[in-house]
Amino acid sequence: MVFDAHRHLGVLPAYPFYGGPAVNPDTKARATIAELIADLDAEGTERALVIPNYGVPSPGVSFAFNELCVEAAQTDDRIRAALWVSPLPSDAERTEAALALAAEQGVKALKLSFLLGGRASDPSCRPMLDRIFAVARERDLVVHVHTSPGAASDIDEVGKLVEWYGDHVAVHLVHFGGGMSGHIKLAGSRFFDWIEAGKRVYTDLSWAIGFAPRWLAEEVSRRGIGHDRILFASDEPWGDREGEYARMRAATGDGELSELVFRENFEKLYG
């Protein structure tokens, strides 16, 4: 059985990315809960954290999927929901409306990304960051953070969230740093330094460059820590579930680490 710690629900409008024609690259995006459940059944995915789809520069679209994700979690016990939130002052009202759903049954995380603007060290973002993490602490929710806004690794910036809030709130760093520099900084020391410092930091390796999963697994074995902080994630429809599964299975083998990555760590964090 496989538990998926990161996939999306909702169909985005076509958008002219990078100056090209309007397109929908996330071809497997699902609009309905029934379609999502059919995918889980076909894959053999036993549990999943479901997050509003995002990627077009219209934040209202993603905020509008929050209630759909909550409904999905309340429809099928295999599903847990994350709520889309934003640290941008311009999104404050919508973020407060999202946080009002945090007590709903099945909500286990708040999804935060700077892909649509802002940065962790931007003073204008700090009040809403404090608010988001305060609600997460109060409700014992995970804050699920995209680590490569603009398709470039930004772990120095995003890592500030672990340093500021990770003593009291679980921070899930999506994409393991989001690129070459992020992978090397995290696996080389930073991920393990945070764990040893008592930070509640977690990660998944969706979209990771080829060497990263096996190197991280080797470092976990060598250091003897971190095995309880790594989760499998497909990032569907932006990721490739079959490919992500094969890479993580190859990196973790068929022993204890594999069991933790594919099942037990999800259950402890999101179950």
C-alpha atoms as a PDB file:
ATOM      1  CA  MET A   1       0.000   0.000   0.000  1.00  0.00           C
ATOM      2  CA  VAL A   2       1.180   3.520  -0.835  1.00  0.00           C
ATOM      3  CA  PHE A   3       0.306   6.765   0.947  1.00  0.00           C
ATOM      4  CA  ASP A   4       0.690   9.938  -1.148  1.00  0.00           C
ATOM      5  CA  ALA A   5       1.630  13.073   0.820  1.00  0.00           C
ATOM      6  CA  HIS A   6       1.130  15.583  -1.976  1.00  0.00           C
ATOM      7  CA  ARG A   7      -1.356  15.693  -4.845  1.00  0.00           C
ATOM      8  CA  HIS A   8      -3.802  18.273  -6.174  1.00  0.00           C
ATOM      9  CA  LEU A   9      -7.503  18.646  -6.898  1.00  0.00           C
ATOM     10  CA  GLY A  10      -9.182  21.155  -9.206  1.00  0.00           C
ATOM     11  CA  VAL A  11      -8.881  22.166 -12.853  1.00  0.00           C
ATOM     12  CA  LEU A  12      -7.097  25.432 -13.626  1.00  0.00           C
ATOM     13  CA  PRO A  13      -7.947  27.732 -16.529  1.00  0.00           C
ATOM     14  CA  ALA A  14      -5.613  27.663 -19.528  1.00  0.00           C
ATOM     15  CA  TYR A  15      -2.786  30.192 -19.201  1.00  0.00           C
ATOM     16  CA  PRO A  16      -0.118  31.578 -21.588  1.00  0.00           C
ATOM     17  CA  PHE A  17       2.904  30.429 -19.561  1.00  0.00           C
ATOM     18  CA  TYR A  18       6.294  31.957 -20.434  1.00  0.00           C
ATOM     19  CA  GLY A  19       4.820  34.050 -23.244  1.00  0.00           C
ATOM     20  CA  GLY A  20       3.408  31.114 -25.218  1.00  0.00           C
ATOM     21  CA  PRO A  21      -0.179  30.252 -26.091  1.00  0.00           C
ATOM     22  CA  ALA A  22      -2.719  29.502 -23.366  1.00  0.00           C
ATOM     23  CA  VAL A  23      -2.265  25.852 -22.363  1.00  0.00           C
ATOM     24  CA  ASN A  24      -3.203  23.303 -19.706  1.00  0.00           C
ATOM     25  CA  PRO A  25       0.024  21.349 -19.053  1.00  0.00           C
ATOM     26  CA  ASP A  26      -1.473  19.520 -16.057  1.00  0.00           C
ATOM     27  CA  THR A  27      -3.374  17.151 -18.315  1.00  0.00           C
ATOM     28  CA  LYS A  28      -4.435  14.809 -15.506  1.00  0.00           C
ATOM     29  CA  ALA A  29      -6.000  17.540 -13.381  1.00  0.00           C
ATOM     30  CA  ARG A  30      -9.270  16.365 -11.832  1.00  0.00           C
ATOM     31  CA  ALA A  31     -12.338  18.521 -11.332  1.00  0.00           C
ATOM     32  CA  THR A  32     -14.388  16.197  -9.147  1.00  0.00           C
ATOM     33  CA  ILE A  33     -14.025  14.069  -6.061  1.00  0.00           C
ATOM     34  CA  ALA A  34     -15.274  11.029  -7.974  1.00  0.00           C
ATOM     35  CA  GLU A  35     -12.451  11.418 -10.522  1.00  0.00           C
ATOM     36  CA  LEU A  36      -9.902  11.759  -7.713  1.00  0.00           C
ATOM     37  CA  ILE A  37     -11.145   8.615  -5.981  1.00  0.00           C
ATOM     38  CA  ALA A  38     -11.072   6.723  -9.275  1.00  0.00           C
ATOM     39  CA  ASP A  39      -7.407   7.685  -9.661  1.00  0.00           C
ATOM     40  CA  LEU A  40      -6.581   6.521  -6.131  1.00  0.00           C
ATOM     41  CA  ASP A  41      -8.306   3.203  -6.802  1.00  0.00           C
ATOM     42  CA  ALA A  42      -6.532   2.691 -10.144  1.00  0.00           C
ATOM     43  CA  GLU A  43      -3.126   3.469  -8.647  1.00  0.00           C
ATOM     44  CA  GLY A  44      -3.576   1.479  -5.463  1.00  0.00           C
ATOM     45  CA  THR A  45      -3.025   4.647  -3.432  1.00  0.00           C
ATOM     46  CA  GLU A  46      -4.394   3.885   0.011  1.00  0.00           C
ATOM     47  CA  ARG A  47      -4.195   7.387   1.563  1.00  0.00           C
ATOM     48  CA  ALA A  48      -3.591  10.866   0.157  1.00  0.00           C
ATOM     49  CA  LEU A  49      -3.145  14.472   1.202  1.00  0.00           C
ATOM     50  CA  VAL A  50      -5.101  16.531  -1.323  1.00  0.00           C
ATOM     51  CA  ILE A  51      -4.202  20.163  -1.996  1.00  0.00           C
ATOM     52  CA  PRO A  52      -5.928  22.819  -4.130  1.00  0.00           C
ATOM     53  CA  ASN A  53      -4.386  22.939  -7.582  1.00  0.00           C
ATOM     54  CA  TYR A  54      -2.397  26.087  -8.343  1.00  0.00           C
ATOM     55  CA  GLY A  55       0.065  27.537 -10.813  1.00  0.00           C
ATOM     56  CA  VAL A  56      -1.733  30.291 -12.705  1.00  0.00           C
ATOM     57  CA  PRO A  57      -1.292  33.863 -11.391  1.00  0.00           C
ATOM     58  CA  SER A  58      -4.888  34.099 -10.195  1.00  0.00           C
ATOM     59  CA  PRO A  59      -4.852  33.226  -6.495  1.00  0.00           C
ATOM     60  CA  GLY A  60      -8.618  33.304  -6.260  1.00  0.00           C
ATOM     61  CA  VAL A  61      -8.747  30.155  -8.380  1.00  0.00           C
ATOM     62  CA  SER A  62      -6.787  28.129  -5.834  1.00  0.00           C
ATOM     63  CA  PHE A  63      -8.603  29.600  -2.847  1.00  0.00           C
ATOM     64  CA  ALA A  64     -11.846  28.502  -4.512  1.00  0.00           C
ATOM     65  CA  PHE A  65     -10.716  24.851  -4.401  1.00  0.00           C
ATOM     66  CA  ASN A  66     -10.358  24.818  -0.588  1.00  0.00           C
ATOM     67  CA  GLU A  67     -13.923  23.765   0.073  1.00  0.00           C
ATOM     68  CA  LEU A  68     -13.685  21.070  -2.623  1.00  0.00           C
ATOM     69  CA  CYS A  69     -10.644  19.570  -0.854  1.00  0.00           C
ATOM     70  CA  VAL A  70     -12.413  19.661   2.503  1.00  0.00           C
ATOM     71  CA  GLU A  71     -15.426  17.960   0.936  1.00  0.00           C
ATOM     72  CA  ALA A  72     -13.142  15.289  -0.526  1.00  0.00           C
ATOM     73  CA  ALA A  73     -11.693  14.564   2.909  1.00  0.00           C
ATOM     74  CA  GLN A  74     -15.171  14.287   4.361  1.00  0.00           C
ATOM     75  CA  THR A  75     -16.346  12.040   1.533  1.00  0.00           C
ATOM     76  CA  ASP A  76     -13.649   9.357   1.797  1.00  0.00           C
ATOM     77  CA  ASP A  77     -11.638   8.580   4.917  1.00  0.00           C
ATOM     78  CA  ARG A  78      -8.593   7.788   2.790  1.00  0.00           C
ATOM     79  CA  ILE A  79      -8.289  11.490   1.942  1.00  0.00           C
ATOM     80  CA  ARG A  80      -6.851  14.314   4.042  1.00  0.00           C
ATOM     81  CA  ALA A  81      -7.128  17.967   3.018  1.00  0.00           C
ATOM     82  CA  ALA A  82      -4.702  20.873   2.880  1.00  0.00           C
ATOM     83  CA  LEU A  83      -5.985  24.450   2.632  1.00  0.00           C
ATOM     84  CA  TRP A  84      -4.492  26.998   0.265  1.00  0.00           C
ATOM     85  CA  VAL A  85      -3.251  30.071   2.161  1.00  0.00           C
ATOM     86  CA  SER A  86      -1.098  33.050   1.213  1.00  0.00           C
ATOM     87  CA  PRO A  87       1.216  35.411   3.099  1.00  0.00           C
ATOM     88  CA  LEU A  88       0.561  38.259   0.656  1.00  0.00           C
ATOM     89  CA  PRO A  89      -1.219  41.265   2.198  1.00  0.00           C
ATOM     90  CA  SER A  90      -3.453  41.416  -0.868  1.00  0.00           C
ATOM     91  CA  ASP A  91      -4.693  37.896  -0.052  1.00  0.00           C
ATOM     92  CA  ALA A  92      -5.303  38.514   3.655  1.00  0.00           C
ATOM     93  CA  GLU A  93      -9.088  38.386   3.487  1.00  0.00           C
ATOM     94  CA  ARG A  94      -9.092  35.182   1.453  1.00  0.00           C
ATOM     95  CA  THR A  95      -6.500  33.618   3.728  1.00  0.00           C
ATOM     96  CA  GLU A  96      -8.620  34.399   6.789  1.00  0.00           C
ATOM     97  CA  ALA A  97     -11.561  32.705   5.080  1.00  0.00           C
ATOM     98  CA  ALA A  98      -9.349  29.679   4.423  1.00  0.00           C
ATOM     99  CA  LEU A  99      -8.128  29.580   8.022  1.00  0.00           C
ATOM    100  CA  ALA A 100     -11.746  29.560   9.165  1.00  0.00           C
ATOM    101  CA  LEU A 101     -11.951  26.085   7.585  1.00  0.00           C
ATOM    102  CA  ALA A 102      -8.994  24.788   9.598  1.00  0.00           C
ATOM    103  CA  ALA A 103     -11.239  23.167  12.196  1.00  0.00           C
ATOM    104  CA  GLU A 104     -13.159  21.170   9.596  1.00  0.00           C
ATOM    105  CA  GLN A 105     -12.947  17.382   9.799  1.00  0.00           C
ATOM    106  CA  GLY A 106     -10.184  15.980   7.606  1.00  0.00           C
ATOM    107  CA  VAL A 107      -8.061  19.156   7.398  1.00  0.00           C
ATOM    108  CA  LYS A 108      -4.458  18.298   8.258  1.00  0.00           C
ATOM    109  CA  ALA A 109      -2.330  20.973   6.563  1.00  0.00           C
ATOM    110  CA  LEU A 110      -2.019  24.519   5.274  1.00  0.00           C
ATOM    111  CA  LYS A 111      -0.412  24.908   1.838  1.00  0.00           C
ATOM    112  CA  LEU A 112       1.947  27.844   1.427  1.00  0.00           C
ATOM    113  CA  SER A 113       3.799  28.880  -1.729  1.00  0.00           C
ATOM    114  CA  PHE A 114       5.619  31.974  -2.891  1.00  0.00           C
ATOM    115  CA  LEU A 115       5.153  30.912  -6.507  1.00  0.00           C
ATOM    116  CA  LEU A 116       2.515  33.627  -6.947  1.00  0.00           C
ATOM    117  CA  GLY A 117       4.544  36.328  -5.215  1.00  0.00           C
ATOM    118  CA  GLY A 118       6.234  37.411  -2.000  1.00  0.00           C
ATOM    119  CA  ARG A 119       9.092  35.799  -0.099  1.00  0.00           C
ATOM    120  CA  ALA A 120       9.707  34.646   3.438  1.00  0.00           C
ATOM    121  CA  SER A 121      11.931  37.623   4.317  1.00  0.00           C
ATOM    122  CA  ASP A 122       9.596  40.246   2.829  1.00  0.00           C
ATOM    123  CA  PRO A 123       8.463  42.326   5.839  1.00  0.00           C
ATOM    124  CA  SER A 124       5.042  42.781   4.267  1.00  0.00           C
ATOM    125  CA  CYS A 125       4.531  38.988   4.342  1.00  0.00           C
ATOM    126  CA  ARG A 126       5.553  38.477   7.977  1.00  0.00           C
ATOM    127  CA  PRO A 127       2.216  39.380   9.625  1.00  0.00           C
ATOM    128  CA  MET A 128       0.303  36.777   7.612  1.00  0.00           C
ATOM    129  CA  LEU A 129       3.095  34.225   8.019  1.00  0.00           C
ATOM    130  CA  ASP A 130       2.819  34.690  11.785  1.00  0.00           C
ATOM    131  CA  ARG A 131      -0.944  34.293  11.513  1.00  0.00           C
ATOM    132  CA  ILE A 132      -0.750  31.153   9.352  1.00  0.00           C
ATOM    133  CA  PHE A 133       1.765  29.453  11.616  1.00  0.00           C
ATOM    134  CA  ALA A 134      -0.154  30.471  14.734  1.00  0.00           C
ATOM    135  CA  VAL A 135      -3.254  28.703  13.421  1.00  0.00           C
ATOM    136  CA  ALA A 136      -1.139  25.701  12.440  1.00  0.00           C
ATOM    137  CA  ARG A 137       0.270  25.506  15.958  1.00  0.00           C
ATOM    138  CA  GLU A 138      -3.157  25.921  17.552  1.00  0.00           C
ATOM    139  CA  ARG A 139      -4.731  23.226  15.364  1.00  0.00           C
ATOM    140  CA  ASP A 140      -1.662  20.959  15.137  1.00  0.00           C
ATOM    141  CA  LEU A 141      -1.587  21.320  11.362  1.00  0.00           C
ATOM    142  CA  VAL A 142       1.382  20.808   9.066  1.00  0.00           C
ATOM    143  CA  VAL A 143       2.515  23.764   6.950  1.00  0.00           C
ATOM    144  CA  HIS A 144       3.218  22.391   3.481  1.00  0.00           C
ATOM    145  CA  VAL A 145       5.759  24.680   1.725  1.00  0.00           C
ATOM    146  CA  HIS A 146       6.736  24.775  -1.944  1.00  0.00           C
ATOM    147  CA  THR A 147      10.534  25.146  -2.140  1.00  0.00           C
ATOM    148  CA  SER A 148      11.074  26.266  -5.734  1.00  0.00           C
ATOM    149  CA  PRO A 149       9.016  29.371  -6.570  1.00  0.00           C
ATOM    150  CA  GLY A 150       9.666  30.445 -10.122  1.00  0.00           C
ATOM    151  CA  ALA A 151      11.028  26.937 -10.875  1.00  0.00           C
ATOM    152  CA  ALA A 152      14.334  27.745  -9.135  1.00  0.00           C
ATOM    153  CA  SER A 153      15.567  26.417  -5.821  1.00  0.00           C
ATOM    154  CA  ASP A 154      15.035  28.851  -2.965  1.00  0.00           C
ATOM    155  CA  ILE A 155      15.888  26.869   0.143  1.00  0.00           C
ATOM    156  CA  ASP A 156      17.838  29.721   1.743  1.00  0.00           C
ATOM    157  CA  GLU A 157      14.693  31.849   1.692  1.00  0.00           C
ATOM    158  CA  VAL A 158      12.111  29.151   2.408  1.00  0.00           C
ATOM    159  CA  GLY A 159      14.390  27.650   5.065  1.00  0.00           C
ATOM    160  CA  LYS A 160      13.766  30.734   7.185  1.00  0.00           C
ATOM    161  CA  LEU A 161      10.302  29.321   7.873  1.00  0.00           C
ATOM    162  CA  VAL A 162      11.875  26.225   9.448  1.00  0.00           C
ATOM    163  CA  GLU A 163      14.171  28.400  11.524  1.00  0.00           C
ATOM    164  CA  TRP A 164      11.418  30.776  12.678  1.00  0.00           C
ATOM    165  CA  TYR A 165       8.546  28.362  13.226  1.00  0.00           C
ATOM    166  CA  GLY A 166       9.883  24.792  13.144  1.00  0.00           C
ATOM    167  CA  ASP A 167      10.262  24.426  16.912  1.00  0.00           C
ATOM    168  CA  HIS A 168       6.492  24.286  17.308  1.00  0.00           C
ATOM    169  CA  VAL A 169       5.009  23.597  13.859  1.00  0.00           C
ATOM    170  CA  ALA A 170       5.695  20.737  11.450  1.00  0.00           C
ATOM    171  CA  VAL A 171       7.055  22.160   8.182  1.00  0.00           C
ATOM    172  CA  HIS A 172       6.874  19.905   5.103  1.00  0.00           C
ATOM    173  CA  LEU A 173       9.424  21.098   2.523  1.00  0.00           C
ATOM    174  CA  VAL A 174       8.019  20.042  -0.834  1.00  0.00           C
ATOM    175  CA  HIS A 175      10.412  18.945  -3.624  1.00  0.00           C
ATOM    176  CA  PHE A 176      13.395  18.605  -1.228  1.00  0.00           C
ATOM    177  CA  GLY A 177      14.686  22.072  -1.965  1.00  0.00           C
ATOM    178  CA  GLY A 178      13.464  22.324  -5.534  1.00  0.00           C
ATOM    179  CA  GLY A 179      16.706  21.942  -7.491  1.00  0.00           C
ATOM    180  CA  MET A 180      20.434  21.211  -7.491  1.00  0.00           C
ATOM    181  CA  SER A 181      21.499  23.793  -4.912  1.00  0.00           C
ATOM    182  CA  GLY A 182      18.594  22.963  -2.617  1.00  0.00           C
ATOM    183  CA  HIS A 183      19.280  19.228  -2.766  1.00  0.00           C
ATOM    184  CA  ILE A 184      22.962  19.670  -1.976  1.00  0.00           C
ATOM    185  CA  LYS A 185      22.367  22.144   0.845  1.00  0.00           C
ATOM    186  CA  LEU A 186      19.713  19.932   2.435  1.00  0.00           C
ATOM    187  CA  ALA A 187      21.286  16.482   2.041  1.00  0.00           C
ATOM    188  CA  GLY A 188      24.775  17.834   2.616  1.00  0.00           C
ATOM    189  CA  SER A 189      23.905  19.111   6.088  1.00  0.00           C
ATOM    190  CA  ARG A 190      21.007  21.482   6.551  1.00  0.00           C
ATOM    191  CA  PHE A 191      18.149  18.971   6.684  1.00  0.00           C
ATOM    192  CA  PHE A 192      19.998  16.941   9.307  1.00  0.00           C
ATOM    193  CA  ASP A 193      21.156  20.027  11.205  1.00  0.00           C
ATOM    194  CA  TRP A 194      17.537  21.102  11.577  1.00  0.00           C
ATOM    195  CA  ILE A 195      16.509  17.650  12.816  1.00  0.00           C
ATOM    196  CA  GLU A 196      19.317  17.614  15.378  1.00  0.00           C
ATOM    197  CA  ALA A 197      18.276  21.115  16.486  1.00  0.00           C
ATOM    198  CA  GLY A 198      14.789  19.806  17.232  1.00  0.00           C
ATOM    199  CA  LYS A 199      13.030  21.375  14.266  1.00  0.00           C
ATOM    200  CA  ARG A 200       9.879  19.622  13.087  1.00  0.00           C
ATOM    201  CA  VAL A 201      10.993  19.427   9.460  1.00  0.00           C
ATOM    202  CA  TYR A 202       9.795  16.923   6.829  1.00  0.00           C
ATOM    203  CA  THR A 203      10.249  16.564   3.086  1.00  0.00           C
ATOM    204  CA  ASP A 204       9.254  14.740  -0.058  1.00  0.00           C
ATOM    205  CA  LEU A 205      11.325  14.189  -3.190  1.00  0.00           C
ATOM    206  CA  SER A 206       8.777  14.813  -5.921  1.00  0.00           C
ATOM    207  CA  TRP A 207      10.452  16.623  -8.836  1.00  0.00           C
ATOM    208  CA  ALA A 208      13.873  15.952  -7.297  1.00  0.00           C
ATOM    209  CA  ILE A 209      16.871  15.575  -9.611  1.00  0.00           C
ATOM    210  CA  GLY A 210      17.867  11.945 -10.191  1.00  0.00           C
ATOM    211  CA  PHE A 211      20.726  11.617  -7.699  1.00  0.00           C
ATOM    212  CA  ALA A 212      18.853  13.203  -4.777  1.00  0.00           C
ATOM    213  CA  PRO A 213      16.658  10.302  -3.563  1.00  0.00           C
ATOM    214  CA  ARG A 214      19.500   7.789  -3.384  1.00  0.00           C
ATOM    215  CA  TRP A 215      21.925  10.285  -1.840  1.00  0.00           C
ATOM    216  CA  LEU A 216      19.401  11.266   0.831  1.00  0.00           C
ATOM    217  CA  ALA A 217      18.746   7.588   1.594  1.00  0.00           C
ATOM    218  CA  GLU A 218      22.493   6.994   1.916  1.00  0.00           C
ATOM    219  CA  GLU A 219      22.870   9.990   4.249  1.00  0.00           C
ATOM    220  CA  VAL A 220      19.979   8.781   6.412  1.00  0.00           C
ATOM    221  CA  SER A 221      21.690   5.402   6.734  1.00  0.00           C
ATOM    222  CA  ARG A 222      25.095   6.934   7.448  1.00  0.00           C
ATOM    223  CA  ARG A 223      23.869   9.495   9.981  1.00  0.00           C
ATOM    224  CA  GLY A 224      21.193   7.345  11.602  1.00  0.00           C
ATOM    225  CA  ILE A 225      18.587  10.144  11.579  1.00  0.00           C
ATOM    226  CA  GLY A 226      15.981  11.456   9.151  1.00  0.00           C
ATOM    227  CA  HIS A 227      14.298   8.155   8.355  1.00  0.00           C
ATOM    228  CA  ASP A 228      11.117   9.401  10.038  1.00  0.00           C
ATOM    229  CA  ARG A 229      11.046  12.713   8.086  1.00  0.00           C
ATOM    230  CA  ILE A 230      10.728  11.622   4.427  1.00  0.00           C
ATOM    231  CA  LEU A 231       7.419  10.989   2.660  1.00  0.00           C
ATOM    232  CA  PHE A 232       6.415   9.697  -0.749  1.00  0.00           C
ATOM    233  CA  ALA A 233       4.590  12.241  -2.918  1.00  0.00           C
ATOM    234  CA  SER A 234       3.334  12.111  -6.483  1.00  0.00           C
ATOM    235  CA  ASP A 235       2.490  15.820  -6.995  1.00  0.00           C
ATOM    236  CA  GLU A 236      -0.152  14.708  -9.499  1.00  0.00           C
ATOM    237  CA  PRO A 237      -1.165  16.198 -11.896  1.00  0.00           C
ATOM    238  CA  TRP A 238       2.112  18.164 -12.064  1.00  0.00           C
ATOM    239  CA  GLY A 239       4.230  15.155 -11.168  1.00  0.00           C
ATOM    240  CA  ASP A 240       4.425  11.639 -12.532  1.00  0.00           C
ATOM    241  CA  ARG A 241       3.179   9.141  -9.987  1.00  0.00           C
ATOM    242  CA  GLU A 242       4.647   6.075 -11.683  1.00  0.00           C
ATOM    243  CA  GLY A 243       8.052   7.699 -12.081  1.00  0.00           C
ATOM    244  CA  GLU A 244       8.117   9.114  -8.570  1.00  0.00           C
ATOM    245  CA  TYR A 245       7.167   5.717  -7.151  1.00  0.00           C
ATOM    246  CA  ALA A 246       9.884   3.897  -9.096  1.00  0.00           C
ATOM    247  CA  ARG A 247      12.608   6.342  -8.051  1.00  0.00           C
ATOM    248  CA  MET A 248      11.701   6.280  -4.375  1.00  0.00           C
ATOM    249  CA  ARG A 249      11.310   2.500  -4.345  1.00  0.00           C
ATOM    250  CA  ALA A 250      14.753   2.132  -5.922  1.00  0.00           C
ATOM    251  CA  ALA A 251      16.285   4.554  -3.417  1.00  0.00           C
ATOM    252  CA  THR A 252      14.685   3.067  -0.310  1.00  0.00           C
ATOM    253  CA  GLY A 253      14.718  -0.642  -1.179  1.00  0.00           C
ATOM    254  CA  ASP A 254      12.227  -2.992   0.433  1.00  0.00           C
ATOM    255  CA  GLY A 255      13.167  -2.689   4.091  1.00  0.00           C
ATOM    256  CA  GLU A 256      12.317  -0.417   7.016  1.00  0.00           C
ATOM    257  CA  LEU A 257      13.075   2.858   5.236  1.00  0.00           C
ATOM    258  CA  SER A 258      10.711   1.987   2.414  1.00  0.00           C
ATOM    259  CA  GLU A 259       7.917   1.171   4.858  1.00  0.00           C
ATOM    260  CA  LEU A 260       8.438   4.508   6.593  1.00  0.00           C
ATOM    261  CA  VAL A 261       8.574   6.581   3.405  1.00  0.00           C
ATOM    262  CA  PHE A 262       5.610   4.974   1.677  1.00  0.00           C
ATOM    263  CA  ARG A 263       3.311   4.534   4.666  1.00  0.00           C
ATOM    264  CA  GLU A 264       4.275   5.097   8.278  1.00  0.00           C
ATOM    265  CA  ASN A 265       5.597   8.664   8.098  1.00  0.00           C
ATOM    266  CA  PHE A 266       2.384   9.772   6.371  1.00  0.00           C
ATOM    267  CA  GLU A 267       0.309   8.099   9.059  1.00  0.00           C
ATOM    268  CA  LYS A 268       2.220   9.851  11.839  1.00  0.00           C
ATOM    269  CA  LEU A 269       2.157  13.281  10.179  1.00  0.00           C
ATOM    270  CA  TYR A 270      -1.222  13.343   8.431  1.00  0.00           C
ATOM    271  CA  GLY A 271      -3.126  10.364   9.791  1.00  0.00           C
END
